[in-house]
Amino acid sequence: MKKLDILAFAAHPDDVELACSGTVIKHIDAGLKVGIVDLTQGEMGSRGTIDTRYEEAANASEIMGVTERVNLKMADGLFQINEDSKRLIVEQIRRYRPEIVLANAIDDRHPDHGRASKLVSEACFLAGLVQFETEWEGTKQEHFRPKAVYHYIQDRYIKPDFVIDVTGVAERKMEAIKAYKTQFFQPDQDGPKTPISGADFMDFIWARMREMGRQAGFSCGEGFTVERFPGVNLLTDLK
């Protein structure tokens, strides 16, 4: 068992990088262990190939400092919220036993994002049930439920419940995003036009970080929504 502090799930390779890689980097820098589970290989993407996605995800992981990354090879655009899908996710939750799970936005432009959000949330609950049995590498897994599930915010604006200050790691976040060279604008690269392939898309990422950070008093931030109220000991613990 490789115990992790945080496990981030993503419908597609690059979801984590675009939405919450600053948070991932910051927590790794603080000494916490963070892993990523990609549900699909991004094979329905208009640009690049499965092979380039794996290469880009590996490069982005190195930039972020992520050493544990798994791809569940669900069907991009077609995976369903069913027992088989939940079982695959429960196996990873019980394998890594994270205290915190990060999941896709609860609603977004790409329907995979909201569906993955619900799928991961339900799997986190199932992972804590003794009677829901799973195995990993031939060994029965012990039940385990993460303490919290937080949903990152993606293309569509969602009012965050809390914001992480990523000012000091924002440039490294952009490096991790740009590791996906086939997906984003390159002056000498041809390919179909997509909502994220334009020359101004990186400006949007910067603007979103500044938008999230501004209301919390940070230069750059990443926002999250919660499934239950977070608790604090003292009002002074809040920024």
C-alpha atoms as a PDB file:
ATOM      1  CA  MET A   1       0.000   0.000   0.000  1.00  0.00           C
ATOM      2  CA  LYS A   2       1.244   3.461  -0.929  1.00  0.00           C
ATOM      3  CA  LYS A   3      -0.553   5.776   1.463  1.00  0.00           C
ATOM      4  CA  LEU A   4      -1.285   9.212  -0.001  1.00  0.00           C
ATOM      5  CA  ASP A   5      -2.504  12.358   1.701  1.00  0.00           C
ATOM      6  CA  ILE A   6      -4.431  13.607  -1.341  1.00  0.00           C
ATOM      7  CA  LEU A   7      -5.747  11.750  -4.384  1.00  0.00           C
ATOM      8  CA  ALA A   8      -6.960  13.858  -7.313  1.00  0.00           C
ATOM      9  CA  PHE A   9      -9.347  12.288  -9.811  1.00  0.00           C
ATOM     10  CA  ALA A  10      -9.815  13.619 -13.338  1.00  0.00           C
ATOM     11  CA  ALA A  11     -12.134  12.683 -16.181  1.00  0.00           C
ATOM     12  CA  HIS A  12      -9.297  13.419 -18.634  1.00  0.00           C
ATOM     13  CA  PRO A  13      -5.535  13.856 -18.518  1.00  0.00           C
ATOM     14  CA  ASP A  14      -5.019  17.657 -18.189  1.00  0.00           C
ATOM     15  CA  ASP A  15      -8.138  18.278 -16.017  1.00  0.00           C
ATOM     16  CA  VAL A  16      -6.070  18.399 -12.834  1.00  0.00           C
ATOM     17  CA  GLU A  17      -3.362  20.503 -14.451  1.00  0.00           C
ATOM     18  CA  LEU A  18      -5.847  23.087 -15.733  1.00  0.00           C
ATOM     19  CA  ALA A  19      -7.973  23.353 -12.606  1.00  0.00           C
ATOM     20  CA  CYS A  20      -5.957  22.537  -9.489  1.00  0.00           C
ATOM     21  CA  SER A  21      -2.302  21.826 -10.288  1.00  0.00           C
ATOM     22  CA  GLY A  22      -1.281  24.842  -8.213  1.00  0.00           C
ATOM     23  CA  THR A  23      -2.896  23.198  -5.192  1.00  0.00           C
ATOM     24  CA  VAL A  24      -1.206  19.886  -6.022  1.00  0.00           C
ATOM     25  CA  ILE A  25       2.214  21.530  -6.361  1.00  0.00           C
ATOM     26  CA  LYS A  26       1.812  23.558  -3.172  1.00  0.00           C
ATOM     27  CA  HIS A  27       0.913  20.520  -1.076  1.00  0.00           C
ATOM     28  CA  ILE A  28       3.744  18.434  -2.515  1.00  0.00           C
ATOM     29  CA  ASP A  29       6.135  21.288  -1.719  1.00  0.00           C
ATOM     30  CA  ALA A  30       4.786  21.198   1.853  1.00  0.00           C
ATOM     31  CA  GLY A  31       5.767  17.533   2.145  1.00  0.00           C
ATOM     32  CA  LEU A  32       2.396  15.896   1.486  1.00  0.00           C
ATOM     33  CA  LYS A  33       1.996  12.916  -0.841  1.00  0.00           C
ATOM     34  CA  VAL A  34      -0.340  13.558  -3.766  1.00  0.00           C
ATOM     35  CA  GLY A  35      -1.393  11.220  -6.583  1.00  0.00           C
ATOM     36  CA  ILE A  36      -3.592  11.504  -9.676  1.00  0.00           C
ATOM     37  CA  VAL A  37      -6.080   9.054 -11.174  1.00  0.00           C
ATOM     38  CA  ASP A  38      -7.207   9.832 -14.733  1.00  0.00           C
ATOM     39  CA  LEU A  39     -10.458   8.077 -15.600  1.00  0.00           C
ATOM     40  CA  THR A  40      -9.965   8.117 -19.386  1.00  0.00           C
ATOM     41  CA  GLN A  41      -7.126   8.395 -21.860  1.00  0.00           C
ATOM     42  CA  GLY A  42      -8.654  11.463 -23.518  1.00  0.00           C
ATOM     43  CA  GLU A  43      -9.034   9.474 -26.703  1.00  0.00           C
ATOM     44  CA  MET A  44     -12.013  11.492 -27.933  1.00  0.00           C
ATOM     45  CA  GLY A  45      -9.977  14.702 -27.936  1.00  0.00           C
ATOM     46  CA  SER A  46      -9.784  16.492 -31.287  1.00  0.00           C
ATOM     47  CA  ARG A  47      -6.029  17.004 -31.044  1.00  0.00           C
ATOM     48  CA  GLY A  48      -3.172  14.634 -30.255  1.00  0.00           C
ATOM     49  CA  THR A  49      -3.301  10.878 -29.690  1.00  0.00           C
ATOM     50  CA  ILE A  50      -3.478   8.469 -26.772  1.00  0.00           C
ATOM     51  CA  ASP A  51       0.302   8.088 -26.943  1.00  0.00           C
ATOM     52  CA  THR A  52       0.928  11.830 -26.851  1.00  0.00           C
ATOM     53  CA  ARG A  53      -1.479  12.187 -23.923  1.00  0.00           C
ATOM     54  CA  TYR A  54       0.468   9.644 -21.893  1.00  0.00           C
ATOM     55  CA  GLU A  55       3.737  11.376 -22.718  1.00  0.00           C
ATOM     56  CA  GLU A  56       2.305  14.789 -21.863  1.00  0.00           C
ATOM     57  CA  ALA A  57       0.777  13.531 -18.603  1.00  0.00           C
ATOM     58  CA  ALA A  58       4.154  12.074 -17.588  1.00  0.00           C
ATOM     59  CA  ASN A  59       5.891  15.384 -18.331  1.00  0.00           C
ATOM     60  CA  ALA A  60       3.264  17.355 -16.413  1.00  0.00           C
ATOM     61  CA  SER A  61       3.543  14.960 -13.457  1.00  0.00           C
ATOM     62  CA  GLU A  62       7.291  15.506 -13.327  1.00  0.00           C
ATOM     63  CA  ILE A  63       6.802  19.278 -13.274  1.00  0.00           C
ATOM     64  CA  MET A  64       4.259  19.005 -10.454  1.00  0.00           C
ATOM     65  CA  GLY A  65       6.301  16.456  -8.502  1.00  0.00           C
ATOM     66  CA  VAL A  66       3.609  13.754  -8.761  1.00  0.00           C
ATOM     67  CA  THR A  67       5.069  10.233  -8.620  1.00  0.00           C
ATOM     68  CA  GLU A  68       1.826   8.208  -8.453  1.00  0.00           C
ATOM     69  CA  ARG A  69      -0.428   8.509 -11.514  1.00  0.00           C
ATOM     70  CA  VAL A  70      -2.898   5.903 -12.779  1.00  0.00           C
ATOM     71  CA  ASN A  71      -5.133   5.775 -15.849  1.00  0.00           C
ATOM     72  CA  LEU A  72      -8.294   3.660 -15.519  1.00  0.00           C
ATOM     73  CA  LYS A  73      -8.903   3.574 -19.308  1.00  0.00           C
ATOM     74  CA  MET A  74     -12.628   4.226 -19.076  1.00  0.00           C
ATOM     75  CA  ALA A  75     -14.334   5.270 -22.312  1.00  0.00           C
ATOM     76  CA  ASP A  76     -13.805   8.971 -22.960  1.00  0.00           C
ATOM     77  CA  GLY A  77     -17.175  10.653 -23.450  1.00  0.00           C
ATOM     78  CA  LEU A  78     -19.032   7.393 -22.832  1.00  0.00           C
ATOM     79  CA  PHE A  79     -18.207   6.164 -19.308  1.00  0.00           C
ATOM     80  CA  GLN A  80     -21.235   5.667 -17.104  1.00  0.00           C
ATOM     81  CA  ILE A  81     -22.054   5.855 -13.419  1.00  0.00           C
ATOM     82  CA  ASN A  82     -22.435   2.138 -12.833  1.00  0.00           C
ATOM     83  CA  GLU A  83     -21.076  -0.619 -10.612  1.00  0.00           C
ATOM     84  CA  ASP A  84     -18.088  -1.413 -12.836  1.00  0.00           C
ATOM     85  CA  SER A  85     -16.938   2.216 -12.935  1.00  0.00           C
ATOM     86  CA  LYS A  86     -17.436   2.676  -9.213  1.00  0.00           C
ATOM     87  CA  ARG A  87     -15.490  -0.491  -8.478  1.00  0.00           C
ATOM     88  CA  LEU A  88     -12.476   0.749 -10.472  1.00  0.00           C
ATOM     89  CA  ILE A  89     -12.433   3.962  -8.447  1.00  0.00           C
ATOM     90  CA  VAL A  90     -13.011   2.243  -5.099  1.00  0.00           C
ATOM     91  CA  GLU A  91      -9.982   0.051  -5.821  1.00  0.00           C
ATOM     92  CA  GLN A  92      -7.784   3.129  -6.154  1.00  0.00           C
ATOM     93  CA  ILE A  93      -9.225   4.802  -3.060  1.00  0.00           C
ATOM     94  CA  ARG A  94      -8.570   1.679  -0.992  1.00  0.00           C
ATOM     95  CA  ARG A  95      -5.168   1.239  -2.608  1.00  0.00           C
ATOM     96  CA  TYR A  96      -3.941   4.742  -1.725  1.00  0.00           C
ATOM     97  CA  ARG A  97      -6.185   5.511   1.306  1.00  0.00           C
ATOM     98  CA  PRO A  98      -6.119   9.309   0.892  1.00  0.00           C
ATOM     99  CA  GLU A  99      -7.386  11.643   3.598  1.00  0.00           C
ATOM    100  CA  ILE A 100      -8.640  14.039   0.918  1.00  0.00           C
ATOM    101  CA  VAL A 101     -10.038  13.396  -2.554  1.00  0.00           C
ATOM    102  CA  LEU A 102     -10.166  16.069  -5.249  1.00  0.00           C
ATOM    103  CA  ALA A 103     -12.748  15.563  -7.994  1.00  0.00           C
ATOM    104  CA  ASN A 104     -14.024  17.243 -11.137  1.00  0.00           C
ATOM    105  CA  ALA A 105     -16.366  20.223 -11.114  1.00  0.00           C
ATOM    106  CA  ILE A 106     -19.945  19.395 -10.124  1.00  0.00           C
ATOM    107  CA  ASP A 107     -21.152  20.899 -13.425  1.00  0.00           C
ATOM    108  CA  ASP A 108     -19.247  22.029 -16.502  1.00  0.00           C
ATOM    109  CA  ARG A 109     -19.215  22.544 -20.263  1.00  0.00           C
ATOM    110  CA  HIS A 110     -17.900  19.018 -20.886  1.00  0.00           C
ATOM    111  CA  PRO A 111     -20.508  16.488 -19.673  1.00  0.00           C
ATOM    112  CA  ASP A 112     -17.746  14.083 -18.590  1.00  0.00           C
ATOM    113  CA  HIS A 113     -16.731  16.510 -15.859  1.00  0.00           C
ATOM    114  CA  GLY A 114     -20.038  16.591 -13.987  1.00  0.00           C
ATOM    115  CA  ARG A 115     -20.501  12.854 -14.494  1.00  0.00           C
ATOM    116  CA  ALA A 116     -17.011  12.109 -13.158  1.00  0.00           C
ATOM    117  CA  SER A 117     -17.701  14.370 -10.206  1.00  0.00           C
ATOM    118  CA  LYS A 118     -20.762  12.362  -9.196  1.00  0.00           C
ATOM    119  CA  LEU A 119     -19.080   9.033  -9.947  1.00  0.00           C
ATOM    120  CA  VAL A 120     -16.074   9.758  -7.730  1.00  0.00           C
ATOM    121  CA  SER A 121     -18.272  11.115  -4.945  1.00  0.00           C
ATOM    122  CA  GLU A 122     -20.420   7.979  -4.894  1.00  0.00           C
ATOM    123  CA  ALA A 123     -17.337   5.748  -5.057  1.00  0.00           C
ATOM    124  CA  CYS A 124     -15.853   7.517  -2.018  1.00  0.00           C
ATOM    125  CA  PHE A 125     -18.945   6.562  -0.038  1.00  0.00           C
ATOM    126  CA  LEU A 126     -18.900   2.963  -1.300  1.00  0.00           C
ATOM    127  CA  ALA A 127     -15.212   2.626  -0.416  1.00  0.00           C
ATOM    128  CA  GLY A 128     -16.167   2.892   3.254  1.00  0.00           C
ATOM    129  CA  LEU A 129     -18.670   0.037   3.179  1.00  0.00           C
ATOM    130  CA  VAL A 130     -17.387  -3.253   4.597  1.00  0.00           C
ATOM    131  CA  GLN A 131     -19.754  -5.324   2.460  1.00  0.00           C
ATOM    132  CA  PHE A 132     -18.571  -3.782  -0.835  1.00  0.00           C
ATOM    133  CA  GLU A 133     -15.678  -6.109  -1.568  1.00  0.00           C
ATOM    134  CA  THR A 134     -12.752  -5.390  -3.869  1.00  0.00           C
ATOM    135  CA  GLU A 135      -9.347  -6.898  -4.530  1.00  0.00           C
ATOM    136  CA  TRP A 136      -6.055  -5.414  -5.632  1.00  0.00           C
ATOM    137  CA  GLU A 137      -3.358  -7.659  -7.073  1.00  0.00           C
ATOM    138  CA  GLY A 138      -5.066 -10.732  -5.662  1.00  0.00           C
ATOM    139  CA  THR A 139      -5.485  -9.398  -2.120  1.00  0.00           C
ATOM    140  CA  LYS A 140      -8.787  -8.394  -0.554  1.00  0.00           C
ATOM    141  CA  GLN A 141      -8.846  -4.683   0.207  1.00  0.00           C
ATOM    142  CA  GLU A 142      -9.859  -3.168   3.532  1.00  0.00           C
ATOM    143  CA  HIS A 143     -12.706  -0.665   3.528  1.00  0.00           C
ATOM    144  CA  PHE A 144     -11.669   2.987   3.715  1.00  0.00           C
ATOM    145  CA  ARG A 145     -13.461   6.308   3.273  1.00  0.00           C
ATOM    146  CA  PRO A 146     -11.659   9.640   2.728  1.00  0.00           C
ATOM    147  CA  LYS A 147     -12.351  12.370   5.271  1.00  0.00           C
ATOM    148  CA  ALA A 148     -13.310  14.929   2.641  1.00  0.00           C
ATOM    149  CA  VAL A 149     -14.152  15.311  -1.045  1.00  0.00           C
ATOM    150  CA  TYR A 150     -13.488  18.701  -2.647  1.00  0.00           C
ATOM    151  CA  HIS A 151     -14.486  19.582  -6.199  1.00  0.00           C
ATOM    152  CA  TYR A 152     -12.239  21.832  -8.263  1.00  0.00           C
ATOM    153  CA  ILE A 153     -13.677  24.437 -10.627  1.00  0.00           C
ATOM    154  CA  GLN A 154     -13.109  24.102 -14.367  1.00  0.00           C
ATOM    155  CA  ASP A 155     -14.336  25.919 -17.451  1.00  0.00           C
ATOM    156  CA  ARG A 156     -17.610  27.335 -16.145  1.00  0.00           C
ATOM    157  CA  TYR A 157     -17.475  29.695 -13.195  1.00  0.00           C
ATOM    158  CA  ILE A 158     -18.810  28.240  -9.946  1.00  0.00           C
ATOM    159  CA  LYS A 159     -18.756  30.258  -6.737  1.00  0.00           C
ATOM    160  CA  PRO A 160     -16.083  28.587  -4.568  1.00  0.00           C
ATOM    161  CA  ASP A 161     -16.616  27.547  -0.965  1.00  0.00           C
ATOM    162  CA  PHE A 162     -12.914  28.116  -0.270  1.00  0.00           C
ATOM    163  CA  VAL A 163      -9.833  29.262  -2.178  1.00  0.00           C
ATOM    164  CA  ILE A 164      -6.239  28.021  -2.020  1.00  0.00           C
ATOM    165  CA  ASP A 165      -3.484  30.624  -2.418  1.00  0.00           C
ATOM    166  CA  VAL A 166      -1.354  29.470  -5.365  1.00  0.00           C
ATOM    167  CA  THR A 167       0.472  32.752  -5.970  1.00  0.00           C
ATOM    168  CA  GLY A 168       3.911  31.286  -5.361  1.00  0.00           C
ATOM    169  CA  VAL A 169       3.411  28.305  -7.666  1.00  0.00           C
ATOM    170  CA  ALA A 170       1.336  29.865 -10.459  1.00  0.00           C
ATOM    171  CA  GLU A 171       4.211  29.840 -12.961  1.00  0.00           C
ATOM    172  CA  ARG A 172       4.844  26.144 -12.319  1.00  0.00           C
ATOM    173  CA  LYS A 173       1.144  25.483 -12.809  1.00  0.00           C
ATOM    174  CA  MET A 174       1.381  27.103 -16.236  1.00  0.00           C
ATOM    175  CA  GLU A 175       4.398  24.943 -17.066  1.00  0.00           C
ATOM    176  CA  ALA A 176       2.427  21.819 -16.144  1.00  0.00           C
ATOM    177  CA  ILE A 177      -0.464  22.905 -18.352  1.00  0.00           C
ATOM    178  CA  LYS A 178       1.817  23.675 -21.277  1.00  0.00           C
ATOM    179  CA  ALA A 179       3.246  20.157 -21.053  1.00  0.00           C
ATOM    180  CA  TYR A 180       0.126  19.182 -23.034  1.00  0.00           C
ATOM    181  CA  LYS A 181       1.603  20.595 -26.209  1.00  0.00           C
ATOM    182  CA  THR A 182      -0.841  18.954 -28.596  1.00  0.00           C
ATOM    183  CA  GLN A 183      -3.861  20.422 -26.804  1.00  0.00           C
ATOM    184  CA  PHE A 184      -2.920  24.086 -26.669  1.00  0.00           C
ATOM    185  CA  PHE A 185      -1.812  26.815 -29.029  1.00  0.00           C
ATOM    186  CA  GLN A 186       1.508  26.416 -30.782  1.00  0.00           C
ATOM    187  CA  PRO A 187       2.351  28.936 -33.557  1.00  0.00           C
ATOM    188  CA  ASP A 188       3.755  26.238 -35.856  1.00  0.00           C
ATOM    189  CA  GLN A 189       1.173  23.546 -35.093  1.00  0.00           C
ATOM    190  CA  ASP A 190      -1.852  22.706 -37.228  1.00  0.00           C
ATOM    191  CA  GLY A 191      -4.944  20.974 -35.940  1.00  0.00           C
ATOM    192  CA  PRO A 192      -8.671  21.323 -35.385  1.00  0.00           C
ATOM    193  CA  LYS A 193      -9.822  24.408 -33.516  1.00  0.00           C
ATOM    194  CA  THR A 194     -11.110  23.625 -30.040  1.00  0.00           C
ATOM    195  CA  PRO A 195     -12.319  25.763 -27.106  1.00  0.00           C
ATOM    196  CA  ILE A 196      -8.864  25.431 -25.496  1.00  0.00           C
ATOM    197  CA  SER A 197      -6.562  25.641 -28.524  1.00  0.00           C
ATOM    198  CA  GLY A 198      -6.758  29.399 -29.121  1.00  0.00           C
ATOM    199  CA  ALA A 199      -3.853  31.755 -28.463  1.00  0.00           C
ATOM    200  CA  ASP A 200      -5.850  33.543 -25.740  1.00  0.00           C
ATOM    201  CA  PHE A 201      -6.721  30.444 -23.668  1.00  0.00           C
ATOM    202  CA  MET A 202      -3.725  30.819 -21.359  1.00  0.00           C
ATOM    203  CA  ASP A 203      -4.898  34.373 -20.647  1.00  0.00           C
ATOM    204  CA  PHE A 204      -8.165  32.843 -19.435  1.00  0.00           C
ATOM    205  CA  ILE A 205      -6.290  30.515 -17.047  1.00  0.00           C
ATOM    206  CA  TRP A 206      -4.375  33.467 -15.585  1.00  0.00           C
ATOM    207  CA  ALA A 207      -7.585  35.492 -15.318  1.00  0.00           C
ATOM    208  CA  ARG A 208      -9.385  32.662 -13.530  1.00  0.00           C
ATOM    209  CA  MET A 209      -6.565  32.339 -10.984  1.00  0.00           C
ATOM    210  CA  ARG A 210      -6.640  36.088 -10.377  1.00  0.00           C
ATOM    211  CA  GLU A 211     -10.435  36.098 -10.143  1.00  0.00           C
ATOM    212  CA  MET A 212     -10.405  33.308  -7.548  1.00  0.00           C
ATOM    213  CA  GLY A 213      -7.525  34.830  -5.625  1.00  0.00           C
ATOM    214  CA  ARG A 214      -8.778  38.414  -5.577  1.00  0.00           C
ATOM    215  CA  GLN A 215     -11.804  37.873  -3.347  1.00  0.00           C
ATOM    216  CA  ALA A 216      -9.710  35.874  -0.873  1.00  0.00           C
ATOM    217  CA  GLY A 217      -6.947  38.472  -0.748  1.00  0.00           C
ATOM    218  CA  PHE A 218      -4.436  36.500  -2.860  1.00  0.00           C
ATOM    219  CA  SER A 219      -2.813  37.383  -6.157  1.00  0.00           C
ATOM    220  CA  CYS A 220      -3.649  33.932  -7.589  1.00  0.00           C
ATOM    221  CA  GLY A 221      -6.006  31.302  -6.267  1.00  0.00           C
ATOM    222  CA  GLU A 222      -7.776  28.055  -7.061  1.00  0.00           C
ATOM    223  CA  GLY A 223     -11.347  27.563  -5.923  1.00  0.00           C
ATOM    224  CA  PHE A 224     -13.114  24.455  -4.639  1.00  0.00           C
ATOM    225  CA  THR A 225     -16.628  23.483  -3.626  1.00  0.00           C
ATOM    226  CA  VAL A 226     -17.374  21.181  -0.715  1.00  0.00           C
ATOM    227  CA  GLU A 227     -19.805  18.350  -0.004  1.00  0.00           C
ATOM    228  CA  ARG A 228     -20.008  19.091   3.712  1.00  0.00           C
ATOM    229  CA  PHE A 229     -19.095  22.086   5.826  1.00  0.00           C
ATOM    230  CA  PRO A 230     -15.380  22.282   6.682  1.00  0.00           C
ATOM    231  CA  GLY A 231     -14.729  22.772  10.385  1.00  0.00           C
ATOM    232  CA  VAL A 232     -12.279  25.154  12.064  1.00  0.00           C
ATOM    233  CA  ASN A 233     -11.252  25.519  15.689  1.00  0.00           C
ATOM    234  CA  LEU A 234     -11.002  29.320  15.847  1.00  0.00           C
ATOM    235  CA  LEU A 235     -12.229  32.177  13.696  1.00  0.00           C
ATOM    236  CA  THR A 236      -8.624  33.345  13.540  1.00  0.00           C
ATOM    237  CA  ASP A 237      -7.758  30.179  11.597  1.00  0.00           C
ATOM    238  CA  LEU A 238      -9.595  31.661   8.626  1.00  0.00           C
ATOM    239  CA  LYS A 239      -7.645  33.897   6.274  1.00  0.00           C
END
